Amino acid sequence: MDDFTAEILASGQDNTAPAQPQVNDEPPAPRRSLRSGFAARASIQDRLVEKLLQQVVPVDDDVGPDGLVGSEDQTSSAFVERPNFNLTTMSNNFRRFNARIGVVFKFQAEVIRLLSWHRPSQTMSLLAVYTFVCLDPYLLSVLPMVALVLGALVPGFLARHPAPPKGTLSSEQGLGYSAGGPPLAPAATVRPVKELSKDFFRNMRDLQNVMEDFSVGHDQVVSLLVPLTNFSDEALSSAVFLVLVVGGVFMTITAHLLPWRFIALALGWAAICSGHPGVSRLLAATHRDHLRSREEEARSFWDAWVAGDVILDSAPETREVEVFELQRVSDDGSEWEPWLFTPSPYDPLSQPRISGDRPRGTRFFDDVLAPEGWQWSEKKWALDLWSREWVEERIITGVEVETEGERWVYDMYDDRDDQTGVVEAPEAAKPRPPILHPSWEEGEDSSVRRGRWRRRRWVRLVKRKATSATTL
């Protein structure tokens, strides 16, 4: 880690170039005008490309009209204004990013060398530190401070107070390194590499390879996990769900009994030792000669258990929907006129009736559609013969229920419906004890005068409709 940090700081120090004297000679006027013309033409091209991209690139749903990311009504202090897609901004950000990403690739290369046993002494040191952390997890709080001291402060001090170069008097006499005295070298800093330099193109190469590695890894994870979790094979996903639930319950009960320190120690040693070239070849030969046949047997046993023991519901989910056939008495009271098919009974005490709104619905049965996401399971509507039940369930009052015949539910006649003009207030009378009346009546005599509206309930079964494929 010390050599790695010192190397980065030294590379950043080497990239510094001596300051060049500024030249105050001004170019002639024609060259300046030519350069300004090229700049104006380039800016016009950038604007044209930006306008074209705005027409092609879709706008995100979480971007408000003022450019804020998120919903419009959100006023959190964490809200920041983020610019939209711009080709010039994208190009500038990529150049800046590529000039500064080299330190990440160097760290990645050092980790690969460390885990591949390129230097066995460093890998064994990593295993020693890992062992101490597993046996005493409280040492995790010390690791950030030790890493900062050994990885940043000590290399920074050595760069500021370098050792004498070889071939000098101090090195020949074997006096050793001395940290005393004033600083002898400027402080080392990490600077972005210059554009079009060798390091810049090296970063582009590494960035290209990292994008390929990420794409391959993403596709492998998707091909492995998505078929197990997206219920494309419902029996397989149900079996995985069952195993995870049972495993979660088991671990909830027995997790405190397991020696987690030694488990982490064994798994860490096994993972790091498997990266050794000799061990990796031995593991590959063992898997090829002994474990491949076992894997096939285990897979066949799993498939047989999933096919035999996981039982799925074959019938789709069904529900019952309702619609009310609403009729209104004619002006002369001689017949009932078909009015609407409405989702609500439009009873005397309903909110639309009290507010004076007209009922809403459709005039024909064929125009009644299934709810969104459902489809009809039956071909015809069925008349609900139990009118009393749905009246009582909705606690509807002021109606008369027909228990035989066509099962209409009539409005009770109210004298106030026929009153017009100014209605005088009734004289004050002595209070009488309230008399309990039923909320509805059974209609037996058709000669009794009824209200203006009547309705009856029709029902029909629907089932869930299959939807198109969705992407996560």
Protein backbone atom coordinates (compact mmCIF):
# COMPACT_ATOMS: atom_id res chain seq x y z
CA MET A 1 0.00 0.00 0.00
CA ASP A 2 2.90 2.38 0.78
CA ASP A 3 4.57 1.70 -2.55
CA PHE A 4 1.24 2.10 -4.35
CA THR A 5 0.46 5.49 -2.76
CA ALA A 6 3.97 6.77 -3.17
CA GLU A 7 3.90 5.72 -6.83
CA ILE A 8 0.65 7.62 -7.41
CA LEU A 9 1.97 10.73 -5.68
CA ALA A 10 5.20 10.53 -7.58
CA SER A 11 3.41 10.13 -10.90
CA GLY A 12 1.30 13.18 -10.06
CA GLN A 13 4.47 15.08 -9.22
CA ASP A 14 6.15 14.08 -12.48
CA ASN A 15 3.22 15.34 -14.50
CA THR A 16 3.85 18.91 -13.36
CA ALA A 17 5.50 20.92 -16.07
CA PRO A 18 7.61 24.08 -15.53
CA ALA A 19 5.76 27.31 -15.97
CA GLN A 20 6.14 28.85 -19.39
CA PRO A 21 6.56 32.59 -19.74
CA GLN A 22 3.48 34.31 -21.01
CA VAL A 23 3.68 35.96 -24.37
CA ASN A 24 1.84 39.21 -24.60
CA ASP A 25 2.10 39.53 -28.36
CA GLU A 26 -1.36 39.96 -29.74
CA PRO A 27 -2.26 38.24 -33.01
CA PRO A 28 -3.30 40.39 -35.90
CA ALA A 29 -6.88 41.41 -36.29
CA PRO A 30 -7.74 39.14 -39.29
CA ARG A 31 -6.67 36.00 -37.45
CA ARG A 32 -8.72 37.03 -34.41
CA SER A 33 -11.82 37.57 -36.55
CA LEU A 34 -11.29 34.21 -38.28
CA ARG A 35 -11.01 32.45 -34.92
CA SER A 36 -14.14 34.17 -33.60
CA GLY A 37 -15.99 33.08 -36.77
CA PHE A 38 -15.02 29.45 -36.23
CA ALA A 39 -16.10 29.69 -32.59
CA ALA A 40 -19.47 31.16 -33.55
CA ARG A 41 -19.98 28.44 -36.17
CA ALA A 42 -19.14 25.75 -33.61
CA SER A 43 -21.55 27.23 -31.08
CA ILE A 44 -24.33 27.26 -33.70
CA GLN A 45 -23.64 23.61 -34.49
CA ASP A 46 -23.74 22.72 -30.80
CA ARG A 47 -27.08 24.47 -30.40
CA LEU A 48 -28.48 22.70 -33.46
CA VAL A 49 -27.36 19.30 -32.18
CA GLU A 50 -28.79 20.10 -28.73
CA LYS A 51 -32.17 20.99 -30.26
CA LEU A 52 -32.22 17.75 -32.23
CA LEU A 53 -31.36 15.72 -29.14
CA GLN A 54 -34.12 17.39 -27.18
CA GLN A 55 -36.59 16.12 -29.78
CA VAL A 56 -35.17 12.58 -29.74
CA VAL A 57 -34.16 11.99 -26.13
CA PRO A 58 -37.23 11.42 -23.90
CA VAL A 59 -37.66 13.60 -20.85
CA ASP A 60 -37.59 11.80 -17.48
CA ASP A 61 -40.84 11.68 -15.53
CA ASP A 62 -39.09 12.75 -12.34
CA VAL A 63 -37.79 16.01 -13.83
CA GLY A 64 -40.03 18.99 -13.21
CA PRO A 65 -40.52 21.93 -15.53
CA ASP A 66 -37.94 23.94 -13.63
CA GLY A 67 -35.22 21.30 -14.07
CA LEU A 68 -35.43 19.86 -10.58
CA VAL A 69 -35.10 16.12 -10.19
CA GLY A 70 -38.12 14.73 -8.39
CA SER A 71 -41.72 15.71 -7.86
CA GLU A 72 -42.77 19.31 -8.22
CA ASP A 73 -44.19 19.59 -4.71
CA GLN A 74 -41.04 18.37 -3.02
CA THR A 75 -39.11 21.20 -1.38
CA SER A 76 -36.43 19.28 0.52
CA SER A 77 -33.09 20.94 1.24
CA ALA A 78 -31.40 17.97 -0.45
CA PHE A 79 -32.94 19.09 -3.73
CA VAL A 80 -30.34 20.21 -6.27
CA GLU A 81 -30.74 21.43 -9.79
CA ARG A 82 -29.39 18.95 -12.31
CA PRO A 83 -28.84 19.93 -15.95
CA ASN A 84 -30.51 18.04 -18.76
CA PHE A 85 -28.60 16.03 -21.34
CA ASN A 86 -26.22 18.17 -23.37
CA LEU A 87 -23.66 16.91 -25.86
CA THR A 88 -21.06 19.54 -25.01
CA THR A 89 -21.45 18.98 -21.28
CA MET A 90 -21.24 15.23 -21.81
CA SER A 91 -18.00 15.59 -23.78
CA ASN A 92 -16.41 17.88 -21.21
CA ASN A 93 -17.43 15.68 -18.30
CA PHE A 94 -16.04 12.59 -20.03
CA ARG A 95 -12.68 14.23 -20.64
CA ARG A 96 -12.49 15.40 -17.03
CA PHE A 97 -13.58 11.99 -15.75
CA ASN A 98 -11.08 10.12 -17.92
CA ALA A 99 -8.25 12.39 -16.79
CA ARG A 100 -8.95 11.59 -13.12
CA ILE A 101 -10.02 7.92 -13.15
CA GLY A 102 -6.47 6.57 -13.38
CA VAL A 103 -6.10 6.24 -9.61
CA VAL A 104 -9.07 3.84 -9.52
CA PHE A 105 -7.55 1.63 -12.19
CA LYS A 106 -4.22 1.58 -10.40
CA PHE A 107 -5.96 0.55 -7.20
CA GLN A 108 -7.83 -2.15 -9.11
CA ALA A 109 -4.57 -3.49 -10.54
CA GLU A 110 -2.97 -3.58 -7.09
CA VAL A 111 -5.95 -5.50 -5.66
CA ILE A 112 -5.75 -8.04 -8.51
CA ARG A 113 -2.02 -8.52 -7.90
CA LEU A 114 -2.67 -8.92 -4.19
CA LEU A 115 -5.38 -11.55 -4.59
CA SER A 116 -3.57 -13.44 -7.37
CA TRP A 117 -0.50 -14.07 -5.16
CA HIS A 118 1.75 -11.99 -7.42
CA ARG A 119 3.74 -11.16 -4.28
CA PRO A 120 3.14 -13.92 -1.71
CA SER A 121 4.49 -11.84 1.17
CA GLN A 122 1.87 -9.13 0.64
CA THR A 123 -0.94 -11.68 0.30
CA MET A 124 0.14 -13.42 3.52
CA SER A 125 0.19 -10.02 5.25
CA LEU A 126 -3.39 -9.46 4.06
CA LEU A 127 -4.38 -12.87 5.46
CA ALA A 128 -2.75 -12.02 8.78
CA VAL A 129 -4.66 -8.74 9.05
CA TYR A 130 -7.88 -10.49 8.06
CA THR A 131 -7.30 -13.15 10.72
CA PHE A 132 -6.84 -10.57 13.47
CA VAL A 133 -10.00 -8.73 12.37
CA CYS A 134 -12.05 -11.96 12.35
CA LEU A 135 -10.85 -12.98 15.80
CA ASP A 136 -11.30 -9.48 17.22
CA PRO A 137 -13.93 -7.56 15.17
CA TYR A 138 -13.35 -4.40 17.22
CA LEU A 139 -10.17 -3.91 15.20
CA LEU A 140 -12.37 -2.78 12.31
CA SER A 141 -12.52 0.66 13.92
CA VAL A 142 -8.71 0.84 13.76
CA LEU A 143 -8.35 -0.09 10.09
CA PRO A 144 -9.44 3.30 8.60
CA MET A 145 -6.97 5.18 10.77
CA VAL A 146 -4.11 2.76 10.05
CA ALA A 147 -4.88 2.86 6.32
CA LEU A 148 -4.87 6.67 6.37
CA VAL A 149 -1.55 6.81 8.24
CA LEU A 150 0.28 4.15 6.22
CA GLY A 151 -1.39 4.89 2.89
CA ALA A 152 -1.38 8.69 2.80
CA LEU A 153 0.53 10.40 5.61
CA VAL A 154 3.73 8.31 5.62
CA PRO A 155 4.16 8.38 1.80
CA GLY A 156 3.43 12.10 1.83
CA PHE A 157 6.10 12.69 4.44
CA LEU A 158 8.63 10.53 2.55
CA ALA A 159 7.95 12.51 -0.63
CA ARG A 160 8.54 15.75 1.30
CA HIS A 161 11.67 14.41 3.04
CA PRO A 162 13.24 12.05 0.50
CA ALA A 163 16.17 9.78 1.23
CA PRO A 164 19.56 10.70 -0.27
CA PRO A 165 19.99 9.32 -3.80
CA LYS A 166 22.32 6.45 -4.48
CA GLY A 167 25.93 7.28 -5.18
CA THR A 168 26.08 10.19 -2.74
CA LEU A 169 28.22 10.50 0.37
CA SER A 170 25.43 9.57 2.78
CA SER A 171 24.53 6.41 0.88
CA GLU A 172 28.13 5.27 0.53
CA GLN A 173 28.84 5.69 4.23
CA GLY A 174 25.70 3.77 5.16
CA LEU A 175 24.34 6.45 7.43
CA GLY A 176 20.73 5.43 6.72
CA TYR A 177 17.65 7.53 6.32
CA SER A 178 17.20 10.58 8.56
CA ALA A 179 13.93 12.46 8.80
CA GLY A 180 15.51 15.50 10.42
CA GLY A 181 15.92 18.84 8.79
CA PRO A 182 13.70 21.03 6.66
CA PRO A 183 11.69 19.60 3.76
CA LEU A 184 13.83 18.98 0.68
CA ALA A 185 11.17 18.42 -1.99
CA PRO A 186 7.81 19.94 -2.85
CA ALA A 187 4.65 18.24 -1.62
CA ALA A 188 3.37 15.56 -3.95
CA THR A 189 -0.21 15.96 -5.20
CA VAL A 190 -2.46 13.95 -7.47
CA ARG A 191 -3.17 15.85 -10.64
CA PRO A 192 -5.31 14.84 -13.61
CA VAL A 193 -3.36 13.58 -16.57
CA LYS A 194 -2.98 15.72 -19.65
CA GLU A 195 -5.32 15.18 -22.55
CA LEU A 196 -3.94 13.24 -25.52
CA SER A 197 -1.12 11.90 -23.36
CA LYS A 198 -0.14 8.25 -22.96
CA ASP A 199 -1.80 8.04 -19.54
CA PHE A 200 -5.00 9.57 -20.93
CA PHE A 201 -5.33 6.88 -23.60
CA ARG A 202 -4.37 4.21 -21.07
CA ASN A 203 -7.29 5.35 -18.91
CA MET A 204 -9.59 5.16 -21.93
CA ARG A 205 -8.43 1.60 -22.58
CA ASP A 206 -9.04 0.59 -18.97
CA LEU A 207 -12.43 2.32 -18.96
CA GLN A 208 -13.38 0.43 -22.13
CA ASN A 209 -12.40 -2.89 -20.53
CA VAL A 210 -14.27 -2.08 -17.32
CA MET A 211 -17.45 -1.32 -19.27
CA GLU A 212 -17.12 -4.68 -21.04
CA ASP A 213 -16.55 -6.48 -17.74
CA PHE A 214 -19.58 -4.80 -16.21
CA SER A 215 -21.78 -5.69 -19.19
CA VAL A 216 -20.69 -9.34 -19.11
CA GLY A 217 -21.15 -9.54 -15.33
CA HIS A 218 -24.55 -7.87 -15.52
CA ASP A 219 -25.73 -10.32 -18.19
CA GLN A 220 -24.48 -13.30 -16.17
CA VAL A 221 -26.24 -12.12 -13.01
CA VAL A 222 -29.46 -11.48 -14.94
CA SER A 223 -29.35 -14.89 -16.63
CA LEU A 224 -28.76 -16.56 -13.27
CA LEU A 225 -31.08 -14.70 -10.90
CA VAL A 226 -33.95 -13.38 -13.03
CA PRO A 227 -35.36 -16.81 -14.04
CA LEU A 228 -35.36 -17.77 -10.34
CA THR A 229 -37.14 -14.65 -9.11
CA ASN A 230 -39.42 -13.29 -11.86
CA PHE A 231 -41.92 -16.19 -11.70
CA SER A 232 -41.58 -16.96 -15.41
CA ASP A 233 -41.47 -20.54 -14.14
CA GLU A 234 -43.92 -20.27 -11.24
CA ALA A 235 -43.04 -23.68 -9.80
CA LEU A 236 -39.32 -22.86 -9.68
CA SER A 237 -39.80 -19.37 -8.22
CA SER A 238 -42.30 -20.72 -5.67
CA ALA A 239 -39.79 -23.36 -4.59
CA VAL A 240 -37.08 -20.70 -4.20
CA PHE A 241 -39.51 -18.56 -2.18
CA LEU A 242 -40.32 -21.49 0.08
CA VAL A 243 -36.66 -22.35 0.64
CA LEU A 244 -35.78 -18.72 1.46
CA VAL A 245 -38.69 -18.31 3.89
CA VAL A 246 -37.88 -21.56 5.70
CA GLY A 247 -34.20 -20.66 5.74
CA GLY A 248 -34.97 -17.20 7.10
CA VAL A 249 -37.08 -18.63 9.91
CA PHE A 250 -34.40 -21.21 10.73
CA MET A 251 -31.64 -18.56 10.79
CA THR A 252 -33.76 -16.31 12.98
CA ILE A 253 -33.90 -19.05 15.59
CA THR A 254 -30.38 -20.48 15.34
CA ALA A 255 -28.23 -17.54 14.15
CA HIS A 256 -26.93 -16.78 17.65
CA LEU A 257 -25.64 -20.34 18.02
CA LEU A 258 -23.31 -20.26 15.01
CA PRO A 259 -19.59 -19.31 15.42
CA TRP A 260 -19.64 -16.43 12.97
CA ARG A 261 -16.01 -15.39 13.61
CA PHE A 262 -14.61 -18.76 12.62
CA ILE A 263 -17.04 -19.05 9.70
CA ALA A 264 -15.87 -15.66 8.35
CA LEU A 265 -12.24 -16.67 8.96
CA ALA A 266 -12.62 -19.96 7.08
CA LEU A 267 -14.51 -18.40 4.18
CA GLY A 268 -11.98 -15.57 3.82
CA TRP A 269 -8.99 -17.91 3.84
CA ALA A 270 -10.72 -20.22 1.36
CA ALA A 271 -11.57 -17.35 -1.02
CA ILE A 272 -8.07 -15.84 -0.95
CA CYS A 273 -6.27 -19.18 -1.16
CA SER A 274 -8.40 -20.21 -4.14
CA GLY A 275 -6.77 -17.38 -6.10
CA HIS A 276 -3.34 -19.06 -5.83
CA PRO A 277 -2.36 -20.47 -9.26
CA GLY A 278 -1.60 -23.96 -7.92
CA VAL A 279 -4.77 -24.13 -5.81
CA SER A 280 -6.95 -22.84 -8.68
CA ARG A 281 -5.63 -25.56 -11.01
CA LEU A 282 -6.27 -28.21 -8.37
CA LEU A 283 -9.82 -26.97 -7.80
CA ALA A 284 -10.54 -26.95 -11.53
CA ALA A 285 -9.32 -30.54 -11.91
CA THR A 286 -11.34 -31.68 -8.88
CA HIS A 287 -14.50 -30.04 -10.22
CA ARG A 288 -14.01 -31.60 -13.64
CA ASP A 289 -13.35 -35.14 -12.34
CA HIS A 290 -15.60 -35.44 -9.28
CA LEU A 291 -18.07 -32.57 -8.77
CA ARG A 292 -19.62 -32.21 -12.22
CA SER A 293 -21.53 -35.49 -11.99
CA ARG A 294 -22.67 -34.61 -8.47
CA GLU A 295 -23.99 -31.29 -9.72
CA GLU A 296 -26.06 -33.01 -12.39
CA GLU A 297 -27.55 -35.39 -9.80
CA ALA A 298 -28.38 -32.52 -7.45
CA ARG A 299 -29.99 -30.55 -10.29
CA SER A 300 -32.11 -33.52 -11.36
CA PHE A 301 -33.22 -34.07 -7.76
CA TRP A 302 -34.16 -30.38 -7.41
CA ASP A 303 -36.13 -30.40 -10.67
CA ALA A 304 -38.01 -33.55 -9.63
CA TRP A 305 -38.88 -32.05 -6.24
CA VAL A 306 -40.10 -28.81 -7.82
CA ALA A 307 -42.21 -30.66 -10.39
CA GLY A 308 -43.70 -33.10 -7.89
CA ASP A 309 -44.19 -31.20 -4.63
CA VAL A 310 -44.93 -27.59 -5.70
CA ILE A 311 -48.64 -27.33 -6.55
CA LEU A 312 -49.87 -24.18 -8.26
CA ASP A 313 -53.34 -22.72 -8.76
CA SER A 314 -54.38 -23.41 -12.32
CA ALA A 315 -57.67 -21.47 -12.29
CA PRO A 316 -57.42 -17.68 -12.64
CA GLU A 317 -58.72 -15.34 -9.95
CA THR A 318 -62.39 -14.47 -10.34
CA ARG A 319 -64.54 -11.71 -8.88
CA GLU A 320 -68.18 -10.68 -9.10
CA VAL A 321 -69.08 -7.30 -10.52
CA GLU A 322 -72.46 -5.60 -10.32
CA VAL A 323 -74.47 -3.09 -12.28
CA PHE A 324 -77.86 -1.56 -11.48
CA GLU A 325 -80.60 -1.24 -14.04
CA LEU A 326 -82.29 2.08 -13.33
CA GLN A 327 -85.76 3.01 -14.58
CA ARG A 328 -87.89 6.12 -14.13
CA VAL A 329 -91.67 6.46 -14.19
CA SER A 330 -93.15 8.38 -17.10
CA ASP A 331 -94.72 11.78 -16.66
CA ASP A 332 -98.25 10.42 -16.72
CA GLY A 333 -97.27 7.57 -14.38
CA SER A 334 -98.54 4.87 -16.71
CA GLU A 335 -95.29 3.04 -17.44
CA TRP A 336 -91.63 2.76 -16.48
CA GLU A 337 -89.04 4.07 -18.90
CA PRO A 338 -85.57 2.44 -19.13
CA TRP A 339 -83.05 5.02 -18.05
CA LEU A 340 -79.47 3.86 -17.40
CA PHE A 341 -77.20 1.04 -16.28
CA THR A 342 -75.24 2.58 -13.45
CA PRO A 343 -72.69 1.28 -10.92
CA SER A 344 -74.61 2.77 -7.95
CA PRO A 345 -78.25 2.13 -6.95
CA TYR A 346 -79.12 5.85 -6.88
CA ASP A 347 -81.17 5.40 -3.72
CA PRO A 348 -83.10 8.31 -2.11
CA LEU A 349 -80.38 9.10 0.43
CA SER A 350 -77.36 8.73 -1.85
CA GLN A 351 -75.04 11.68 -2.31
CA PRO A 352 -75.84 12.27 -6.03
CA ARG A 353 -79.56 12.13 -5.26
CA ILE A 354 -79.34 14.62 -2.40
CA SER A 355 -77.17 17.04 -4.37
CA GLY A 356 -79.54 16.87 -7.33
CA ASP A 357 -77.07 15.27 -9.78
CA ARG A 358 -78.27 13.06 -12.57
CA PRO A 359 -77.30 9.39 -12.48
CA ARG A 360 -74.29 8.42 -14.55
CA GLY A 361 -73.92 5.30 -16.64
CA THR A 362 -74.69 3.79 -20.02
CA ARG A 363 -78.01 3.14 -21.75
CA PHE A 364 -77.30 -0.37 -23.05
CA PHE A 365 -76.05 -3.59 -21.48
CA ASP A 366 -73.50 -4.14 -24.23
CA ASP A 367 -71.77 -0.87 -23.37
CA VAL A 368 -70.97 -2.02 -19.81
CA LEU A 369 -67.23 -2.83 -19.76
CA ALA A 370 -65.23 -5.03 -17.42
CA PRO A 371 -62.94 -3.31 -14.89
CA GLU A 372 -59.43 -2.46 -16.03
CA GLY A 373 -57.18 -5.50 -15.91
CA TRP A 374 -60.14 -7.94 -15.93
CA GLN A 375 -62.17 -9.71 -18.56
CA TRP A 376 -65.59 -11.35 -18.60
CA SER A 377 -65.69 -14.93 -17.33
CA GLU A 378 -69.37 -15.47 -18.14
CA LYS A 379 -71.23 -14.69 -21.32
CA LYS A 380 -74.41 -13.23 -19.79
CA TRP A 381 -75.51 -11.11 -16.88
CA ALA A 382 -77.55 -12.77 -14.11
CA LEU A 383 -80.36 -11.08 -12.22
CA ASP A 384 -79.79 -10.92 -8.47
CA LEU A 385 -82.89 -12.54 -6.93
CA TRP A 386 -81.92 -11.59 -3.38
CA SER A 387 -82.77 -7.90 -3.48
CA ARG A 388 -83.30 -7.76 0.27
CA GLU A 389 -79.67 -8.71 0.95
CA TRP A 390 -77.97 -5.98 -1.06
CA VAL A 391 -80.44 -3.41 0.30
CA GLU A 392 -79.58 -4.38 3.88
CA GLU A 393 -75.84 -4.55 3.17
CA ARG A 394 -75.84 -0.96 1.92
CA ILE A 395 -78.21 0.18 4.72
CA ILE A 396 -80.53 1.76 2.16
CA THR A 397 -83.65 3.44 3.57
CA GLY A 398 -86.83 4.82 2.02
CA VAL A 399 -87.27 2.02 -0.50
CA GLU A 400 -89.73 -0.80 -1.13
CA VAL A 401 -88.29 -4.23 -1.99
CA GLU A 402 -90.06 -6.54 -4.39
CA THR A 403 -89.47 -10.08 -3.11
CA GLU A 404 -91.12 -11.80 -6.07
CA GLY A 405 -91.31 -11.25 -9.77
CA GLU A 406 -88.65 -9.03 -11.35
CA ARG A 407 -87.07 -8.05 -7.99
CA TRP A 408 -87.35 -4.28 -8.41
CA VAL A 409 -86.50 -1.95 -5.54
CA TYR A 410 -88.84 1.09 -5.63
CA ASP A 411 -88.55 4.49 -4.02
CA MET A 412 -91.24 5.12 -1.42
CA TYR A 413 -93.65 7.86 -2.35
CA ASP A 414 -93.03 11.18 -0.65
CA ASP A 415 -95.70 13.92 -0.66
CA ARG A 416 -93.04 16.59 -0.75
CA ASP A 417 -91.99 15.45 -4.26
CA ASP A 418 -95.27 16.83 -5.69
CA GLN A 419 -95.24 20.11 -3.80
CA THR A 420 -94.41 23.23 -5.81
CA GLY A 421 -94.20 26.89 -4.96
CA VAL A 422 -93.89 28.19 -1.42
CA VAL A 423 -94.43 25.57 1.26
CA GLU A 424 -95.69 26.82 4.59
CA ALA A 425 -93.95 25.68 7.70
CA PRO A 426 -95.97 23.20 9.79
CA GLU A 427 -97.49 24.39 12.99
CA ALA A 428 -95.67 23.56 16.17
CA ALA A 429 -97.01 20.42 17.74
CA LYS A 430 -96.31 18.58 20.89
CA PRO A 431 -93.38 16.21 20.67
CA ARG A 432 -94.36 12.60 20.30
CA PRO A 433 -92.28 9.58 21.13
CA PRO A 434 -90.43 8.28 18.08
CA ILE A 435 -91.92 5.26 16.33
CA LEU A 436 -89.47 2.74 14.90
CA HIS A 437 -90.13 1.87 11.26
CA PRO A 438 -88.27 -0.64 9.13
CA SER A 439 -85.70 0.83 6.76
CA TRP A 440 -87.45 -0.88 3.82
CA GLU A 441 -90.79 -2.50 3.05
CA GLU A 442 -91.84 -5.56 1.12
CA GLY A 443 -94.03 -4.69 -1.86
CA GLU A 444 -97.07 -6.91 -2.12
CA ASP A 445 -99.80 -4.59 -3.42
CA SER A 446 -99.00 -3.01 -6.76
CA SER A 447 -101.74 -0.43 -6.31
CA VAL A 448 -99.72 1.43 -3.68
CA ARG A 449 -98.35 4.67 -5.04
CA ARG A 450 -94.53 4.58 -5.40
CA GLY A 451 -91.71 7.01 -6.06
CA ARG A 452 -90.13 8.06 -9.33
CA TRP A 453 -87.23 5.59 -9.53
CA ARG A 454 -86.77 1.87 -9.35
CA ARG A 455 -83.69 -0.31 -9.77
CA ARG A 456 -82.57 -3.91 -9.75
CA ARG A 457 -79.15 -5.54 -9.53
CA TRP A 458 -77.38 -7.60 -12.18
CA VAL A 459 -74.16 -9.54 -11.51
CA ARG A 460 -71.50 -11.13 -13.70
CA LEU A 461 -68.17 -12.89 -13.04
CA VAL A 462 -64.85 -11.51 -14.26
CA LYS A 463 -61.36 -13.00 -14.26
CA ARG A 464 -57.90 -11.51 -14.31
CA LYS A 465 -56.60 -10.70 -17.76
CA ALA A 466 -53.09 -11.69 -18.77
CA THR A 467 -50.83 -8.68 -19.32
CA SER A 468 -47.86 -8.21 -21.60
CA ALA A 469 -44.29 -8.77 -20.47
CA THR A 470 -42.75 -6.10 -18.25
CA THR A 471 -39.12 -5.16 -17.68
CA LEU A 472 -37.59 -4.30 -14.33
